[in-house]
C-alpha atoms as a PDB file:
ATOM      1  CA  UNK A   1       0.000   0.000   0.000  1.00  0.00           C
ATOM      2  CA  UNK A   2       1.405   3.393  -0.911  1.00  0.00           C
ATOM      3  CA  UNK A   3       1.631   6.376   1.411  1.00  0.00           C
ATOM      4  CA  UNK A   4      -0.968   8.385  -0.550  1.00  0.00           C
ATOM      5  CA  UNK A   5      -4.502   6.966  -0.149  1.00  0.00           C
ATOM      6  CA  UNK A   6      -5.717   9.171  -3.037  1.00  0.00           C
ATOM      7  CA  UNK A   7      -3.200   7.504  -5.373  1.00  0.00           C
ATOM      8  CA  UNK A   8      -4.473   4.093  -4.256  1.00  0.00           C
ATOM      9  CA  UNK A   9      -8.035   5.121  -5.112  1.00  0.00           C
ATOM     10  CA  UNK A  10      -6.978   6.449  -8.517  1.00  0.00           C
ATOM     11  CA  UNK A  11      -4.984   3.267  -9.162  1.00  0.00           C
ATOM     12  CA  UNK A  12      -8.031   1.188  -8.271  1.00  0.00           C
ATOM     13  CA  UNK A  13     -10.537   3.125 -10.413  1.00  0.00           C
ATOM     14  CA  UNK A  14      -8.373   4.100 -13.390  1.00  0.00           C
ATOM     15  CA  UNK A  15      -8.633   0.954 -15.486  1.00  0.00           C
ATOM     16  CA  UNK A  16      -9.985  -0.205 -18.826  1.00  0.00           C
ATOM     17  CA  UNK A  17     -11.820   2.353 -20.913  1.00  0.00           C
ATOM     18  CA  UNK A  18     -11.489   5.043 -18.263  1.00  0.00           C
ATOM     19  CA  UNK A  19      -7.703   4.640 -18.554  1.00  0.00           C
ATOM     20  CA  UNK A  20      -8.035   4.924 -22.342  1.00  0.00           C
ATOM     21  CA  UNK A  21      -9.994   8.176 -22.027  1.00  0.00           C
ATOM     22  CA  UNK A  22      -7.440   9.592 -19.570  1.00  0.00           C
ATOM     23  CA  UNK A  23      -4.487   8.598 -21.773  1.00  0.00           C
ATOM     24  CA  UNK A  24      -6.213  10.150 -24.801  1.00  0.00           C
ATOM     25  CA  UNK A  25      -6.708  13.420 -22.916  1.00  0.00           C
ATOM     26  CA  UNK A  26      -3.083  13.333 -21.769  1.00  0.00           C
ATOM     27  CA  UNK A  27      -1.838  13.004 -25.323  1.00  0.00           C
ATOM     28  CA  UNK A  28      -4.404  15.258 -27.017  1.00  0.00           C
ATOM     29  CA  UNK A  29      -4.822  18.035 -24.494  1.00  0.00           C
ATOM     30  CA  UNK A  30      -8.416  19.249 -24.615  1.00  0.00           C
ATOM     31  CA  UNK A  31     -11.357  17.338 -26.069  1.00  0.00           C
ATOM     32  CA  UNK A  32     -15.126  17.374 -26.042  1.00  0.00           C
ATOM     33  CA  UNK A  33     -17.363  14.393 -25.359  1.00  0.00           C
ATOM     34  CA  UNK A  34     -17.986  13.637 -29.033  1.00  0.00           C
ATOM     35  CA  UNK A  35     -14.268  13.942 -29.833  1.00  0.00           C
ATOM     36  CA  UNK A  36     -13.508  11.317 -27.180  1.00  0.00           C
ATOM     37  CA  UNK A  37     -16.299   9.107 -28.497  1.00  0.00           C
ATOM     38  CA  UNK A  38     -15.018   9.266 -32.076  1.00  0.00           C
ATOM     39  CA  UNK A  39     -11.340   8.872 -31.176  1.00  0.00           C
ATOM     40  CA  UNK A  40     -11.907   5.762 -29.066  1.00  0.00           C
ATOM     41  CA  UNK A  41     -14.739   4.297 -31.130  1.00  0.00           C
ATOM     42  CA  UNK A  42     -17.335   4.312 -28.346  1.00  0.00           C
ATOM     43  CA  UNK A  43     -20.874   3.393 -29.369  1.00  0.00           C
ATOM     44  CA  UNK A  44     -22.427   6.564 -27.918  1.00  0.00           C
ATOM     45  CA  UNK A  45     -21.443   9.928 -26.451  1.00  0.00           C
ATOM     46  CA  UNK A  46     -23.039   8.926 -23.140  1.00  0.00           C
ATOM     47  CA  UNK A  47     -20.408   6.205 -22.699  1.00  0.00           C
ATOM     48  CA  UNK A  48     -17.651   8.767 -23.216  1.00  0.00           C
ATOM     49  CA  UNK A  49     -19.447  11.125 -20.816  1.00  0.00           C
ATOM     50  CA  UNK A  50     -19.614   8.369 -18.171  1.00  0.00           C
ATOM     51  CA  UNK A  51     -15.842   7.871 -18.285  1.00  0.00           C
ATOM     52  CA  UNK A  52     -15.183  11.628 -18.329  1.00  0.00           C
ATOM     53  CA  UNK A  53     -17.451  12.032 -15.270  1.00  0.00           C
ATOM     54  CA  UNK A  54     -15.495   9.282 -13.518  1.00  0.00           C
ATOM     55  CA  UNK A  55     -12.261  11.153 -14.245  1.00  0.00           C
ATOM     56  CA  UNK A  56     -13.831  14.395 -12.986  1.00  0.00           C
ATOM     57  CA  UNK A  57     -14.797  12.711  -9.711  1.00  0.00           C
ATOM     58  CA  UNK A  58     -11.155  11.683  -9.277  1.00  0.00           C
ATOM     59  CA  UNK A  59     -10.102  15.325  -9.903  1.00  0.00           C
ATOM     60  CA  UNK A  60      -8.005  14.289 -12.901  1.00  0.00           C
ATOM     61  CA  UNK A  61      -9.897  16.346 -15.484  1.00  0.00           C
ATOM     62  CA  UNK A  62     -12.029  19.477 -15.487  1.00  0.00           C
ATOM     63  CA  UNK A  63     -14.777  20.645 -17.792  1.00  0.00           C
ATOM     64  CA  UNK A  64     -14.933  24.241 -18.985  1.00  0.00           C
ATOM     65  CA  UNK A  65     -18.089  26.209 -19.822  1.00  0.00           C
ATOM     66  CA  UNK A  66     -17.977  25.013 -23.447  1.00  0.00           C
ATOM     67  CA  UNK A  67     -18.020  21.343 -22.399  1.00  0.00           C
ATOM     68  CA  UNK A  68     -14.360  20.788 -23.235  1.00  0.00           C
ATOM     69  CA  UNK A  69     -12.419  18.508 -20.885  1.00  0.00           C
ATOM     70  CA  UNK A  70      -8.751  18.950 -20.016  1.00  0.00           C
ATOM     71  CA  UNK A  71      -6.322  17.180 -17.708  1.00  0.00           C
ATOM     72  CA  UNK A  72      -5.736  18.953 -14.392  1.00  0.00           C
ATOM     73  CA  UNK A  73      -3.542  16.405 -12.665  1.00  0.00           C
ATOM     74  CA  UNK A  74      -1.152  13.853 -14.115  1.00  0.00           C
ATOM     75  CA  UNK A  75      -0.856  10.487 -12.401  1.00  0.00           C
ATOM     76  CA  UNK A  76       1.279   7.565 -13.484  1.00  0.00           C
ATOM     77  CA  UNK A  77      -0.577   4.370 -12.688  1.00  0.00           C
ATOM     78  CA  UNK A  78      -0.869   1.060 -14.479  1.00  0.00           C
ATOM     79  CA  UNK A  79       0.456   1.010 -18.015  1.00  0.00           C
ATOM     80  CA  UNK A  80       0.784   4.823 -18.040  1.00  0.00           C
ATOM     81  CA  UNK A  81       3.816   4.480 -15.769  1.00  0.00           C
ATOM     82  CA  UNK A  82       5.684   3.053 -18.784  1.00  0.00           C
ATOM     83  CA  UNK A  83       5.234   6.275 -20.778  1.00  0.00           C
ATOM     84  CA  UNK A  84       6.680   9.791 -20.603  1.00  0.00           C
ATOM     85  CA  UNK A  85       4.823  12.827 -21.890  1.00  0.00           C
ATOM     86  CA  UNK A  86       6.994  14.535 -24.500  1.00  0.00           C
ATOM     87  CA  UNK A  87       5.228  17.616 -25.825  1.00  0.00           C
ATOM     88  CA  UNK A  88       1.764  16.400 -26.728  1.00  0.00           C
ATOM     89  CA  UNK A  89       2.803  12.765 -27.204  1.00  0.00           C
ATOM     90  CA  UNK A  90       3.128   9.877 -24.803  1.00  0.00           C
ATOM     91  CA  UNK A  91       6.300   7.950 -25.606  1.00  0.00           C
ATOM     92  CA  UNK A  92       7.651   4.729 -24.077  1.00  0.00           C
ATOM     93  CA  UNK A  93      10.421   5.311 -21.527  1.00  0.00           C
ATOM     94  CA  UNK A  94      12.771   2.873 -23.250  1.00  0.00           C
ATOM     95  CA  UNK A  95      12.748   4.968 -26.437  1.00  0.00           C
ATOM     96  CA  UNK A  96      15.004   7.521 -24.747  1.00  0.00           C
ATOM     97  CA  UNK A  97      17.354   4.817 -23.484  1.00  0.00           C
ATOM     98  CA  UNK A  98      17.641   3.316 -26.971  1.00  0.00           C
ATOM     99  CA  UNK A  99      18.321   6.760 -28.412  1.00  0.00           C
ATOM    100  CA  UNK A 100      21.040   7.361 -25.812  1.00  0.00           C
ATOM    101  CA  UNK A 101      22.761   4.051 -26.613  1.00  0.00           C
ATOM    102  CA  UNK A 102      22.544   4.780 -30.353  1.00  0.00           C
ATOM    103  CA  UNK A 103      24.070   8.235 -29.911  1.00  0.00           C
ATOM    104  CA  UNK A 104      26.858   6.798 -27.751  1.00  0.00           C
ATOM    105  CA  UNK A 105      27.716   4.234 -30.423  1.00  0.00           C
ATOM    106  CA  UNK A 106      27.728   6.810 -33.238  1.00  0.00           C
ATOM    107  CA  UNK A 107      29.916   9.222 -31.235  1.00  0.00           C
ATOM    108  CA  UNK A 108      32.302   6.400 -30.360  1.00  0.00           C
ATOM    109  CA  UNK A 109      32.566   5.295 -33.980  1.00  0.00           C
ATOM    110  CA  UNK A 110      33.195   8.854 -35.198  1.00  0.00           C
ATOM    111  CA  UNK A 111      35.711   9.921 -32.570  1.00  0.00           C
ATOM    112  CA  UNK A 112      37.310   7.096 -30.612  1.00  0.00           C
ATOM    113  CA  UNK A 113      37.530   4.004 -32.793  1.00  0.00           C
ATOM    114  CA  UNK A 114      41.022   3.078 -33.904  1.00  0.00           C
ATOM    115  CA  UNK A 115      41.989   1.176 -37.026  1.00  0.00           C
ATOM    116  CA  UNK A 116      42.695  -1.698 -36.995  1.00  0.00           C
ATOM    117  CA  UNK A 117      39.969  -2.496 -34.497  1.00  0.00           C
ATOM    118  CA  UNK A 118      41.142  -3.590 -31.076  1.00  0.00           C
ATOM    119  CA  UNK A 119      39.414  -6.022 -28.764  1.00  0.00           C
ATOM    120  CA  UNK A 120      38.094  -3.113 -26.694  1.00  0.00           C
ATOM    121  CA  UNK A 121      36.538  -1.492 -29.771  1.00  0.00           C
ATOM    122  CA  UNK A 122      34.816  -4.720 -30.787  1.00  0.00           C
ATOM    123  CA  UNK A 123      33.566  -5.316 -27.235  1.00  0.00           C
ATOM    124  CA  UNK A 124      32.175  -1.766 -26.949  1.00  0.00           C
ATOM    125  CA  UNK A 125      30.407  -2.007 -30.308  1.00  0.00           C
ATOM    126  CA  UNK A 126      28.954  -5.450 -29.498  1.00  0.00           C
ATOM    127  CA  UNK A 127      27.674  -4.357 -26.071  1.00  0.00           C
ATOM    128  CA  UNK A 128      26.251  -1.159 -27.556  1.00  0.00           C
ATOM    129  CA  UNK A 129      24.417  -3.058 -30.283  1.00  0.00           C
ATOM    130  CA  UNK A 130      22.957  -5.484 -27.731  1.00  0.00           C
ATOM    131  CA  UNK A 131      21.797  -2.568 -25.548  1.00  0.00           C
ATOM    132  CA  UNK A 132      20.273  -0.813 -28.576  1.00  0.00           C
ATOM    133  CA  UNK A 133      18.418  -3.929 -29.718  1.00  0.00           C
ATOM    134  CA  UNK A 134      17.074  -4.670 -26.223  1.00  0.00           C
ATOM    135  CA  UNK A 135      15.994  -1.068 -25.642  1.00  0.00           C
ATOM    136  CA  UNK A 136      14.169  -0.720 -28.946  1.00  0.00           C
ATOM    137  CA  UNK A 137      12.579  -4.170 -28.563  1.00  0.00           C
ATOM    138  CA  UNK A 138      11.184  -3.108 -25.166  1.00  0.00           C
ATOM    139  CA  UNK A 139      10.048   0.179 -26.723  1.00  0.00           C
ATOM    140  CA  UNK A 140       8.106  -1.738 -29.366  1.00  0.00           C
ATOM    141  CA  UNK A 141       6.555  -4.083 -26.786  1.00  0.00           C
ATOM    142  CA  UNK A 142       5.449  -1.187 -24.573  1.00  0.00           C
ATOM    143  CA  UNK A 143       4.089   0.744 -27.566  1.00  0.00           C
ATOM    144  CA  UNK A 144       1.869  -2.228 -28.428  1.00  0.00           C
ATOM    145  CA  UNK A 145       0.472  -2.127 -24.855  1.00  0.00           C
ATOM    146  CA  UNK A 146      -0.447   1.532 -25.120  1.00  0.00           C
ATOM    147  CA  UNK A 147      -3.725   2.315 -23.387  1.00  0.00           C
ATOM    148  CA  UNK A 148      -4.864   4.891 -25.961  1.00  0.00           C
END
């Protein structure tokens, strides 16, 4: 059990389609009921409204006078904890790690590699390639789990 009882409640209630609506609002910014319905393929606007009302009760979103909903508080629970908000997009955390390993390998190849290749050069390149492959494989797996 975590120290914050509010986070436990959010973790308990933020599942399924409600999580999808919240993730969509996180990545899109502001949306109306019909926009949510169309984006997630809900059968009716009332279903989207139900999930938006649930999010409002949890104080995660607010509704303005025009009926547009926006995120007021960001929480990282469930599968959302595997993503980082970058601008208006939610990106898997491992994407940044894979990018870092790729940049390290390119910089090493351009500045530090010596010809003929030494055992240290080969070992660094092999370990870098393994780290890059693992990071991008995890990125792909997490992207396929995306809740939005």
